[in-house]
Amino acid sequence: MKRLRNPLSRLHGDERGSYIIEFALLSLPMMTLLMGGIELGYLAYAKSNVEGALREVSRLAATGGSTAEELDAILDAKIGQIKGAHAEIDRRSYSSFGAVGQPEPLTSDVEPLGGEPGPGDCYLDINGNEQWDADRGSDDLGNAEDILYYGVTVTYPMIFKLTSSVINGGNNDMTIEANAVIKNEPFSNIEVPDPEEECIPS
């Protein structure tokens, strides 16, 4: 009597096709590493682009030969080389390095004391906008020998969304922040009027 062989016994020791299974198991982590490397490389390029553009604009601003609109156009053009990038520009000028980020000073303070000024309080309107500001900087390029703060926040979409959870916390947009603080050259002899005192109505 002829004995029937188990058809699965023919597969014992047969390694044909094993490479396909191994490749399937390794391909996902390998592709993730490859895409992550490309993404980080592009981030380095984008960051270098943003910082270079900011340095160029800051140098031009310090000479007093360009308007804010011209400088913003240069910055936008440079950052526009990053695909899908959107830039937010923060520009403020101060009378000295010590004034950077400081609030407008109070000249009188009625109860309750401290904190933001309230009704009856008076302050020096350093930036001339007729309201008290926690940051006294003026939204312009400043005058000769003023201190200029130039900041930019750039957002652009990631190339590979698959790697966002690994290298960007699940956010599909990359964000780059850069800033520069420089002193304007003595390009003119502008007389700056003393700030006026403003009072908040009681």
N, C-alpha and C. Protein backbone atom coordinates (compact mmCIF):
# COMPACT_ATOMS: atom_id res chain seq x y z
N MET A 1 0.85 -1.19 0.00
CA MET A 1 0.00 0.00 0.00
C MET A 1 0.90 1.25 0.00
N LYS A 2 0.59 2.17 -0.93
CA LYS A 2 1.41 3.36 -1.07
C LYS A 2 1.07 4.37 0.02
N ARG A 3 2.11 4.83 0.68
CA ARG A 3 1.92 5.76 1.79
C ARG A 3 1.84 7.20 1.25
N LEU A 4 0.80 7.93 1.70
CA LEU A 4 0.63 9.32 1.29
C LEU A 4 1.57 10.21 2.09
N ARG A 5 2.28 11.09 1.37
CA ARG A 5 3.20 12.02 2.03
C ARG A 5 2.48 13.33 2.37
N ASN A 6 2.85 13.86 3.48
CA ASN A 6 2.31 15.16 3.89
C ASN A 6 2.85 16.23 2.94
N PRO A 7 1.95 16.97 2.26
CA PRO A 7 2.44 17.97 1.30
C PRO A 7 3.30 19.06 1.94
N LEU A 8 3.11 19.31 3.25
CA LEU A 8 3.90 20.34 3.93
C LEU A 8 5.34 19.89 4.16
N SER A 9 5.56 18.56 4.10
CA SER A 9 6.91 18.07 4.35
C SER A 9 7.88 18.51 3.26
N ARG A 10 7.35 18.80 2.08
CA ARG A 10 8.22 19.26 0.99
C ARG A 10 8.78 20.66 1.27
N LEU A 11 8.08 21.42 2.13
CA LEU A 11 8.53 22.78 2.44
C LEU A 11 9.62 22.80 3.51
N HIS A 12 9.82 21.65 4.17
CA HIS A 12 10.81 21.60 5.24
C HIS A 12 12.20 21.85 4.66
N GLY A 13 12.87 22.87 5.18
CA GLY A 13 14.21 23.18 4.71
C GLY A 13 14.27 23.97 3.42
N ASP A 14 13.10 24.30 2.86
CA ASP A 14 13.07 25.10 1.62
C ASP A 14 13.16 26.59 1.98
N GLU A 15 14.26 27.24 1.61
CA GLU A 15 14.48 28.64 1.96
C GLU A 15 14.18 29.58 0.81
N ARG A 16 13.65 29.06 -0.26
CA ARG A 16 13.32 29.93 -1.38
C ARG A 16 12.24 30.94 -0.96
N GLY A 17 12.45 32.22 -1.30
CA GLY A 17 11.49 33.26 -0.96
C GLY A 17 11.67 33.87 0.41
N SER A 18 12.64 33.39 1.19
CA SER A 18 12.84 33.92 2.54
C SER A 18 13.30 35.38 2.51
N TYR A 19 14.00 35.73 1.42
CA TYR A 19 14.48 37.11 1.32
C TYR A 19 13.32 38.11 1.23
N ILE A 20 12.22 37.67 0.62
CA ILE A 20 11.07 38.56 0.51
C ILE A 20 10.50 38.86 1.90
N ILE A 21 10.42 37.85 2.72
CA ILE A 21 9.90 38.02 4.08
C ILE A 21 10.83 38.91 4.89
N GLU A 22 12.14 38.66 4.77
CA GLU A 22 13.11 39.47 5.52
C GLU A 22 13.05 40.94 5.08
N PHE A 23 12.92 41.13 3.75
CA PHE A 23 12.84 42.49 3.24
C PHE A 23 11.58 43.19 3.75
N ALA A 24 10.47 42.46 3.78
CA ALA A 24 9.22 43.04 4.26
C ALA A 24 9.33 43.47 5.72
N LEU A 25 10.07 42.69 6.52
CA LEU A 25 10.21 43.00 7.93
C LEU A 25 11.15 44.19 8.16
N LEU A 26 12.16 44.32 7.30
CA LEU A 26 13.17 45.36 7.50
C LEU A 26 12.90 46.64 6.72
N SER A 27 12.05 46.56 5.70
CA SER A 27 11.87 47.71 4.82
C SER A 27 11.27 48.93 5.53
N LEU A 28 10.28 48.72 6.41
CA LEU A 28 9.64 49.86 7.09
C LEU A 28 10.62 50.63 7.95
N PRO A 29 11.36 49.97 8.87
CA PRO A 29 12.32 50.76 9.66
C PRO A 29 13.42 51.38 8.80
N MET A 30 13.84 50.67 7.75
CA MET A 30 14.88 51.22 6.88
C MET A 30 14.38 52.46 6.14
N MET A 31 13.16 52.40 5.62
CA MET A 31 12.60 53.54 4.92
C MET A 31 12.35 54.72 5.86
N THR A 32 11.95 54.40 7.10
CA THR A 32 11.73 55.46 8.09
C THR A 32 13.03 56.18 8.40
N LEU A 33 14.12 55.40 8.56
CA LEU A 33 15.42 56.01 8.81
C LEU A 33 15.88 56.85 7.62
N LEU A 34 15.66 56.33 6.42
CA LEU A 34 16.06 57.07 5.22
C LEU A 34 15.30 58.39 5.10
N MET A 35 13.97 58.33 5.27
CA MET A 35 13.16 59.54 5.17
C MET A 35 13.49 60.51 6.29
N GLY A 36 13.75 59.99 7.49
CA GLY A 36 14.13 60.85 8.60
C GLY A 36 15.43 61.57 8.33
N GLY A 37 16.40 60.86 7.72
CA GLY A 37 17.66 61.49 7.37
C GLY A 37 17.49 62.60 6.35
N ILE A 38 16.64 62.35 5.34
CA ILE A 38 16.36 63.38 4.33
C ILE A 38 15.68 64.58 4.97
N GLU A 39 14.73 64.31 5.87
CA GLU A 39 13.98 65.39 6.53
C GLU A 39 14.91 66.25 7.38
N LEU A 40 15.79 65.62 8.14
CA LEU A 40 16.71 66.37 8.99
C LEU A 40 17.72 67.15 8.15
N GLY A 41 18.12 66.57 7.01
CA GLY A 41 19.02 67.28 6.12
C GLY A 41 18.36 68.52 5.54
N TYR A 42 17.09 68.41 5.18
CA TYR A 42 16.37 69.57 4.64
C TYR A 42 16.15 70.62 5.72
N LEU A 43 15.94 70.17 6.95
CA LEU A 43 15.80 71.10 8.07
C LEU A 43 17.08 71.90 8.27
N ALA A 44 18.24 71.23 8.17
CA ALA A 44 19.51 71.93 8.30
C ALA A 44 19.68 72.97 7.18
N TYR A 45 19.27 72.59 5.96
CA TYR A 45 19.34 73.53 4.84
C TYR A 45 18.42 74.73 5.08
N ALA A 46 17.19 74.46 5.52
CA ALA A 46 16.22 75.53 5.75
C ALA A 46 16.69 76.46 6.86
N LYS A 47 17.22 75.89 7.93
CA LYS A 47 17.70 76.71 9.05
C LYS A 47 18.86 77.59 8.61
N SER A 48 19.79 77.04 7.83
CA SER A 48 20.91 77.82 7.32
C SER A 48 20.43 78.94 6.42
N ASN A 49 19.40 78.66 5.62
CA ASN A 49 18.82 79.65 4.72
C ASN A 49 18.22 80.81 5.51
N VAL A 50 17.45 80.48 6.54
CA VAL A 50 16.78 81.50 7.37
C VAL A 50 17.81 82.36 8.10
N GLU A 51 18.80 81.72 8.72
CA GLU A 51 19.79 82.46 9.49
C GLU A 51 20.65 83.34 8.57
N GLY A 52 20.97 82.84 7.39
CA GLY A 52 21.74 83.64 6.44
C GLY A 52 20.96 84.86 5.97
N ALA A 53 19.67 84.65 5.68
CA ALA A 53 18.82 85.76 5.25
C ALA A 53 18.69 86.82 6.35
N LEU A 54 18.57 86.36 7.59
CA LEU A 54 18.43 87.29 8.71
C LEU A 54 19.71 88.10 8.92
N ARG A 55 20.86 87.45 8.77
CA ARG A 55 22.13 88.17 8.90
C ARG A 55 22.26 89.25 7.82
N GLU A 56 21.89 88.90 6.60
CA GLU A 56 21.99 89.86 5.50
C GLU A 56 21.08 91.06 5.73
N VAL A 57 19.84 90.79 6.13
CA VAL A 57 18.88 91.87 6.36
C VAL A 57 19.31 92.73 7.54
N SER A 58 19.84 92.13 8.58
CA SER A 58 20.28 92.88 9.75
C SER A 58 21.41 93.83 9.40
N ARG A 59 22.36 93.36 8.59
CA ARG A 59 23.48 94.22 8.18
C ARG A 59 22.97 95.41 7.36
N LEU A 60 22.04 95.15 6.46
CA LEU A 60 21.48 96.23 5.65
C LEU A 60 20.71 97.22 6.51
N ALA A 61 19.97 96.70 7.48
CA ALA A 61 19.18 97.57 8.35
C ALA A 61 20.07 98.50 9.16
N ALA A 62 21.22 98.00 9.60
CA ALA A 62 22.11 98.78 10.45
C ALA A 62 22.71 99.98 9.72
N THR A 63 22.76 99.95 8.40
CA THR A 63 23.35 101.05 7.64
C THR A 63 22.38 102.20 7.43
N GLY A 64 21.09 101.95 7.60
CA GLY A 64 20.09 103.00 7.44
C GLY A 64 19.77 103.33 6.00
N GLY A 65 20.22 102.51 5.05
CA GLY A 65 20.00 102.81 3.65
C GLY A 65 18.81 102.11 3.02
N SER A 66 18.06 101.35 3.82
CA SER A 66 16.91 100.60 3.29
C SER A 66 15.69 100.83 4.15
N THR A 67 14.52 100.72 3.53
CA THR A 67 13.27 100.84 4.28
C THR A 67 12.88 99.48 4.84
N ALA A 68 11.95 99.49 5.79
CA ALA A 68 11.47 98.23 6.38
C ALA A 68 10.81 97.36 5.32
N GLU A 69 10.09 97.98 4.39
CA GLU A 69 9.41 97.21 3.33
C GLU A 69 10.42 96.53 2.42
N GLU A 70 11.52 97.22 2.08
CA GLU A 70 12.55 96.63 1.24
C GLU A 70 13.23 95.46 1.93
N LEU A 71 13.51 95.61 3.21
CA LEU A 71 14.16 94.55 3.97
C LEU A 71 13.25 93.33 4.11
N ASP A 72 11.96 93.57 4.37
CA ASP A 72 11.02 92.47 4.47
C ASP A 72 10.91 91.72 3.15
N ALA A 73 10.98 92.44 2.03
CA ALA A 73 10.91 91.82 0.71
C ALA A 73 12.12 90.92 0.47
N ILE A 74 13.30 91.38 0.89
CA ILE A 74 14.51 90.56 0.76
C ILE A 74 14.39 89.30 1.60
N LEU A 75 13.91 89.46 2.83
CA LEU A 75 13.76 88.32 3.73
C LEU A 75 12.75 87.33 3.17
N ASP A 76 11.63 87.82 2.66
CA ASP A 76 10.61 86.93 2.09
C ASP A 76 11.15 86.19 0.87
N ALA A 77 11.94 86.87 0.04
CA ALA A 77 12.49 86.23 -1.16
C ALA A 77 13.46 85.11 -0.80
N LYS A 78 14.29 85.35 0.20
CA LYS A 78 15.25 84.32 0.62
C LYS A 78 14.53 83.12 1.24
N ILE A 79 13.56 83.41 2.11
CA ILE A 79 12.84 82.33 2.77
C ILE A 79 11.94 81.60 1.78
N GLY A 80 11.53 82.29 0.71
CA GLY A 80 10.70 81.67 -0.31
C GLY A 80 11.38 80.53 -1.03
N GLN A 81 12.71 80.40 -0.88
CA GLN A 81 13.43 79.27 -1.47
C GLN A 81 13.12 77.96 -0.75
N ILE A 82 12.53 78.06 0.44
CA ILE A 82 12.09 76.87 1.17
C ILE A 82 10.66 76.57 0.73
N LYS A 83 10.42 75.40 0.21
CA LYS A 83 9.13 75.06 -0.37
C LYS A 83 8.00 75.15 0.65
N GLY A 84 6.99 75.96 0.32
CA GLY A 84 5.80 76.08 1.17
C GLY A 84 6.01 76.86 2.44
N ALA A 85 7.11 77.60 2.55
CA ALA A 85 7.43 78.30 3.80
C ALA A 85 6.58 79.55 3.98
N HIS A 86 6.26 79.82 5.24
CA HIS A 86 5.54 81.03 5.63
C HIS A 86 6.33 81.70 6.75
N ALA A 87 6.58 83.01 6.63
CA ALA A 87 7.40 83.72 7.61
C ALA A 87 6.61 84.76 8.37
N GLU A 88 6.85 84.85 9.67
CA GLU A 88 6.31 85.92 10.51
C GLU A 88 7.50 86.73 11.02
N ILE A 89 7.50 88.03 10.72
CA ILE A 89 8.63 88.90 11.04
C ILE A 89 8.30 89.76 12.25
N ASP A 90 9.21 89.78 13.20
CA ASP A 90 9.07 90.60 14.42
C ASP A 90 10.25 91.57 14.45
N ARG A 91 9.95 92.87 14.34
CA ARG A 91 11.00 93.88 14.25
C ARG A 91 10.71 94.97 15.28
N ARG A 92 11.71 95.26 16.15
CA ARG A 92 11.52 96.29 17.16
C ARG A 92 12.84 97.03 17.38
N SER A 93 12.74 98.32 17.67
CA SER A 93 13.94 99.11 17.94
C SER A 93 13.89 99.68 19.35
N TYR A 94 15.09 99.85 19.94
CA TYR A 94 15.21 100.32 21.32
C TYR A 94 16.31 101.37 21.39
N SER A 95 16.30 102.16 22.45
CA SER A 95 17.31 103.21 22.62
C SER A 95 18.63 102.65 23.12
N SER A 96 18.61 101.48 23.78
CA SER A 96 19.83 100.89 24.32
C SER A 96 19.64 99.38 24.48
N PHE A 97 20.74 98.65 24.67
CA PHE A 97 20.65 97.20 24.87
C PHE A 97 19.86 96.89 26.14
N GLY A 98 20.02 97.71 27.17
CA GLY A 98 19.32 97.47 28.43
C GLY A 98 17.82 97.64 28.32
N ALA A 99 17.36 98.31 27.26
CA ALA A 99 15.91 98.54 27.11
C ALA A 99 15.21 97.40 26.37
N VAL A 100 15.99 96.48 25.79
CA VAL A 100 15.40 95.41 24.99
C VAL A 100 14.47 94.55 25.85
N GLY A 101 13.22 94.46 25.43
CA GLY A 101 12.24 93.62 26.12
C GLY A 101 11.70 94.21 27.41
N GLN A 102 12.07 95.45 27.73
CA GLN A 102 11.62 96.06 28.99
C GLN A 102 10.30 96.81 28.80
N PRO A 103 9.47 96.89 29.87
CA PRO A 103 8.20 97.64 29.76
C PRO A 103 8.42 99.14 29.80
N GLU A 104 7.42 99.87 29.38
CA GLU A 104 7.49 101.33 29.50
C GLU A 104 7.39 101.70 30.98
N PRO A 105 8.26 102.60 31.45
CA PRO A 105 8.33 102.90 32.89
C PRO A 105 7.14 103.72 33.38
N LEU A 106 6.71 103.41 34.60
CA LEU A 106 5.63 104.17 35.23
C LEU A 106 6.21 105.41 35.90
N THR A 107 5.48 106.49 35.81
CA THR A 107 5.88 107.72 36.50
C THR A 107 5.04 107.94 37.76
N SER A 108 3.89 107.31 37.82
CA SER A 108 3.07 107.33 39.05
C SER A 108 2.26 106.05 39.08
N ASP A 109 2.07 105.56 40.28
CA ASP A 109 1.38 104.27 40.43
C ASP A 109 0.44 104.38 41.62
N VAL A 110 -0.85 104.28 41.35
CA VAL A 110 -1.84 104.31 42.43
C VAL A 110 -2.29 102.89 42.72
N GLU A 111 -2.98 102.72 43.84
CA GLU A 111 -3.43 101.38 44.21
C GLU A 111 -4.42 100.82 43.18
N PRO A 112 -4.34 99.51 42.92
CA PRO A 112 -3.39 98.53 43.47
C PRO A 112 -2.01 98.70 42.84
N LEU A 113 -0.98 98.57 43.68
CA LEU A 113 0.39 98.81 43.24
C LEU A 113 0.94 97.61 42.48
N GLY A 114 1.87 97.88 41.57
CA GLY A 114 2.55 96.80 40.85
C GLY A 114 1.74 96.28 39.68
N GLY A 115 2.40 95.47 38.88
CA GLY A 115 1.75 94.86 37.72
C GLY A 115 1.51 95.87 36.62
N GLU A 116 0.56 95.58 35.77
CA GLU A 116 0.24 96.48 34.68
C GLU A 116 -0.44 97.74 35.23
N PRO A 117 -0.18 98.88 34.60
CA PRO A 117 -0.81 100.12 35.09
C PRO A 117 -2.32 100.08 34.92
N GLY A 118 -3.01 100.70 35.87
CA GLY A 118 -4.46 100.77 35.82
C GLY A 118 -4.93 102.20 35.80
N PRO A 119 -6.22 102.42 35.98
CA PRO A 119 -6.77 103.79 35.99
C PRO A 119 -6.04 104.69 36.98
N GLY A 120 -5.64 105.87 36.52
CA GLY A 120 -4.93 106.83 37.36
C GLY A 120 -3.42 106.73 37.29
N ASP A 121 -2.90 105.66 36.73
CA ASP A 121 -1.45 105.49 36.61
C ASP A 121 -0.94 106.27 35.40
N CYS A 122 0.29 106.76 35.51
CA CYS A 122 0.94 107.47 34.39
C CYS A 122 2.23 106.76 34.02
N TYR A 123 2.63 106.91 32.78
CA TYR A 123 3.82 106.22 32.27
C TYR A 123 4.46 107.05 31.18
N LEU A 124 5.73 106.74 30.85
CA LEU A 124 6.41 107.38 29.73
C LEU A 124 6.13 106.57 28.46
N ASP A 125 5.54 107.22 27.50
CA ASP A 125 5.20 106.55 26.25
C ASP A 125 6.44 106.51 25.34
N ILE A 126 7.30 105.54 25.59
CA ILE A 126 8.59 105.46 24.90
C ILE A 126 8.43 105.30 23.39
N ASN A 127 7.51 104.42 22.98
CA ASN A 127 7.37 104.15 21.54
C ASN A 127 6.33 105.04 20.86
N GLY A 128 5.70 105.93 21.61
CA GLY A 128 4.83 106.93 21.02
C GLY A 128 3.52 106.42 20.45
N ASN A 129 3.02 105.28 20.93
CA ASN A 129 1.76 104.76 20.39
C ASN A 129 0.56 105.08 21.29
N GLU A 130 0.80 105.92 22.30
CA GLU A 130 -0.26 106.42 23.19
C GLU A 130 -0.96 105.31 23.98
N GLN A 131 -0.22 104.25 24.26
CA GLN A 131 -0.74 103.21 25.16
C GLN A 131 0.45 102.54 25.85
N TRP A 132 0.20 102.02 27.08
CA TRP A 132 1.28 101.37 27.81
C TRP A 132 1.57 100.01 27.19
N ASP A 133 2.87 99.67 27.08
CA ASP A 133 3.28 98.39 26.50
C ASP A 133 4.24 97.66 27.42
N ALA A 134 4.05 96.36 27.52
CA ALA A 134 4.96 95.55 28.32
C ALA A 134 6.33 95.43 27.64
N ASP A 135 6.39 95.74 26.35
CA ASP A 135 7.65 95.80 25.61
C ASP A 135 7.72 97.18 24.95
N ARG A 136 8.67 98.00 25.36
CA ARG A 136 8.73 99.40 24.92
C ARG A 136 9.25 99.57 23.49
N GLY A 137 9.63 98.50 22.81
CA GLY A 137 10.20 98.60 21.48
C GLY A 137 9.24 99.22 20.47
N SER A 138 9.81 100.00 19.53
CA SER A 138 9.04 100.59 18.45
C SER A 138 9.07 99.67 17.24
N ASP A 139 7.95 99.60 16.53
CA ASP A 139 7.84 98.71 15.37
C ASP A 139 8.43 99.39 14.13
N ASP A 140 9.74 99.66 14.19
CA ASP A 140 10.42 100.29 13.05
C ASP A 140 11.90 99.94 13.11
N LEU A 141 12.68 100.53 12.21
CA LEU A 141 14.12 100.23 12.14
C LEU A 141 14.95 101.06 13.10
N GLY A 142 14.31 102.01 13.78
CA GLY A 142 15.02 102.85 14.74
C GLY A 142 15.84 103.93 14.09
N ASN A 143 16.48 104.72 14.92
CA ASN A 143 17.32 105.83 14.47
C ASN A 143 18.80 105.45 14.57
N ALA A 144 19.66 106.39 14.23
CA ALA A 144 21.10 106.16 14.30
C ALA A 144 21.50 105.73 15.71
N GLU A 145 22.29 104.66 15.78
CA GLU A 145 22.84 104.12 17.02
C GLU A 145 21.79 103.51 17.94
N ASP A 146 20.56 103.32 17.45
CA ASP A 146 19.55 102.57 18.21
C ASP A 146 19.87 101.08 18.13
N ILE A 147 19.25 100.33 19.02
CA ILE A 147 19.39 98.88 19.03
C ILE A 147 18.19 98.28 18.27
N LEU A 148 18.49 97.42 17.31
CA LEU A 148 17.44 96.83 16.49
C LEU A 148 17.34 95.33 16.74
N TYR A 149 16.15 94.89 17.10
CA TYR A 149 15.87 93.46 17.25
C TYR A 149 15.13 92.99 16.00
N TYR A 150 15.67 91.97 15.36
CA TYR A 150 15.03 91.40 14.17
C TYR A 150 14.81 89.92 14.45
N GLY A 151 13.56 89.49 14.46
CA GLY A 151 13.25 88.08 14.67
C GLY A 151 12.35 87.55 13.57
N VAL A 152 12.47 86.28 13.28
CA VAL A 152 11.63 85.67 12.24
C VAL A 152 11.28 84.25 12.66
N THR A 153 10.02 83.89 12.44
CA THR A 153 9.55 82.53 12.68
C THR A 153 9.06 81.96 11.36
N VAL A 154 9.68 80.88 10.92
CA VAL A 154 9.38 80.28 9.62
C VAL A 154 8.74 78.91 9.83
N THR A 155 7.63 78.68 9.15
CA THR A 155 6.94 77.39 9.19
C THR A 155 6.85 76.83 7.78
N TYR A 156 7.19 75.56 7.62
CA TYR A 156 7.08 74.92 6.31
C TYR A 156 6.63 73.47 6.48
N PRO A 157 5.93 72.91 5.49
CA PRO A 157 5.44 71.53 5.61
C PRO A 157 6.56 70.51 5.48
N MET A 158 6.50 69.46 6.26
CA MET A 158 7.49 68.41 6.19
C MET A 158 7.39 67.68 4.84
N ILE A 159 8.49 67.13 4.38
CA ILE A 159 8.52 66.40 3.12
C ILE A 159 7.79 65.07 3.26
N PHE A 160 8.08 64.36 4.35
CA PHE A 160 7.47 63.05 4.59
C PHE A 160 6.64 63.10 5.87
N LYS A 161 5.33 62.97 5.72
CA LYS A 161 4.45 63.01 6.89
C LYS A 161 4.66 61.79 7.79
N LEU A 162 5.17 60.69 7.22
CA LEU A 162 5.35 59.47 8.00
C LEU A 162 6.32 59.67 9.16
N THR A 163 7.31 60.53 8.97
CA THR A 163 8.33 60.73 10.01
C THR A 163 7.96 61.81 11.02
N SER A 164 6.81 62.44 10.87
CA SER A 164 6.45 63.55 11.77
C SER A 164 6.35 63.10 13.22
N SER A 165 5.81 61.90 13.45
CA SER A 165 5.66 61.43 14.82
C SER A 165 7.00 61.06 15.45
N VAL A 166 8.01 60.79 14.62
CA VAL A 166 9.31 60.39 15.13
C VAL A 166 10.19 61.59 15.46
N ILE A 167 10.21 62.58 14.56
CA ILE A 167 11.15 63.69 14.74
C ILE A 167 10.47 65.03 15.00
N ASN A 168 9.14 65.08 14.98
CA ASN A 168 8.49 66.39 15.17
C ASN A 168 7.25 66.30 16.03
N GLY A 169 7.15 65.29 16.86
CA GLY A 169 6.04 65.19 17.80
C GLY A 169 4.67 65.08 17.16
N GLY A 170 4.60 64.55 15.93
CA GLY A 170 3.32 64.39 15.26
C GLY A 170 2.85 65.61 14.49
N ASN A 171 3.61 66.70 14.56
CA ASN A 171 3.25 67.93 13.83
C ASN A 171 3.77 67.83 12.40
N ASN A 172 2.91 68.07 11.42
CA ASN A 172 3.31 67.97 10.02
C ASN A 172 4.06 69.19 9.50
N ASP A 173 4.17 70.24 10.32
CA ASP A 173 4.88 71.45 9.93
C ASP A 173 6.13 71.64 10.79
N MET A 174 7.22 71.98 10.14
CA MET A 174 8.46 72.30 10.84
C MET A 174 8.48 73.79 11.15
N THR A 175 9.03 74.17 12.30
CA THR A 175 9.12 75.57 12.69
C THR A 175 10.58 75.93 13.00
N ILE A 176 11.03 77.03 12.42
CA ILE A 176 12.38 77.53 12.66
C ILE A 176 12.27 78.94 13.21
N GLU A 177 12.97 79.21 14.31
CA GLU A 177 12.99 80.55 14.89
C GLU A 177 14.43 81.06 14.90
N ALA A 178 14.61 82.30 14.47
CA ALA A 178 15.93 82.92 14.47
C ALA A 178 15.76 84.40 14.80
N ASN A 179 16.77 84.98 15.44
CA ASN A 179 16.71 86.41 15.76
C ASN A 179 18.11 87.00 15.80
N ALA A 180 18.17 88.29 15.69
CA ALA A 180 19.43 89.02 15.75
C ALA A 180 19.20 90.35 16.45
N VAL A 181 20.16 90.76 17.27
CA VAL A 181 20.11 92.05 17.94
C VAL A 181 21.38 92.81 17.55
N ILE A 182 21.22 93.94 16.87
CA ILE A 182 22.36 94.70 16.37
C ILE A 182 22.21 96.18 16.74
N LYS A 183 23.32 96.90 16.64
CA LYS A 183 23.30 98.35 16.89
C LYS A 183 23.43 99.07 15.56
N ASN A 184 22.52 100.00 15.32
CA ASN A 184 22.58 100.77 14.08
C ASN A 184 23.84 101.63 14.03
N GLU A 185 24.31 101.82 12.82
CA GLU A 185 25.47 102.67 12.63
C GLU A 185 25.07 104.15 12.82
N PRO A 186 26.05 105.02 13.09
CA PRO A 186 25.73 106.45 13.24
C PRO A 186 25.53 107.11 11.88
N PHE A 187 24.46 106.68 11.20
CA PHE A 187 24.26 107.13 9.82
C PHE A 187 23.65 108.52 9.71
N SER A 188 23.21 109.11 10.81
CA SER A 188 22.64 110.46 10.76
C SER A 188 22.63 111.06 12.15
N ASN A 189 22.38 112.34 12.21
CA ASN A 189 22.29 113.05 13.49
C ASN A 189 20.84 113.45 13.74
N ILE A 190 20.03 112.45 14.02
CA ILE A 190 18.61 112.71 14.24
C ILE A 190 18.38 113.04 15.72
N GLU A 191 17.69 114.13 15.96
CA GLU A 191 17.32 114.49 17.32
C GLU A 191 16.02 113.79 17.68
N VAL A 192 16.11 112.95 18.70
CA VAL A 192 14.93 112.19 19.13
C VAL A 192 14.26 112.93 20.27
N PRO A 193 13.00 113.29 20.14
CA PRO A 193 12.31 114.02 21.21
C PRO A 193 12.13 113.14 22.44
N ASP A 194 12.10 113.79 23.60
CA ASP A 194 11.87 113.04 24.83
C ASP A 194 10.46 112.45 24.83
N PRO A 195 10.31 111.24 25.39
CA PRO A 195 8.97 110.64 25.42
C PRO A 195 8.01 111.44 26.28
N GLU A 196 6.78 111.46 25.87
CA GLU A 196 5.77 112.20 26.63
C GLU A 196 5.13 111.31 27.68
N GLU A 197 4.69 111.96 28.74
CA GLU A 197 4.00 111.23 29.81
C GLU A 197 2.54 111.08 29.43
N GLU A 198 2.03 109.86 29.58
CA GLU A 198 0.63 109.57 29.33
C GLU A 198 0.01 109.03 30.62
N CYS A 199 -1.25 109.32 30.82
CA CYS A 199 -1.95 108.85 32.01
C CYS A 199 -3.21 108.10 31.58
N ILE A 200 -3.50 107.03 32.31
CA ILE A 200 -4.69 106.24 32.04
C ILE A 200 -5.86 106.90 32.78
N PRO A 201 -6.94 107.20 32.07
CA PRO A 201 -8.07 107.87 32.74
C PRO A 201 -8.60 107.08 33.93
N SER A 202 -8.95 107.78 34.98
CA SER A 202 -9.48 107.14 36.20
C SER A 202 -10.91 106.69 35.97
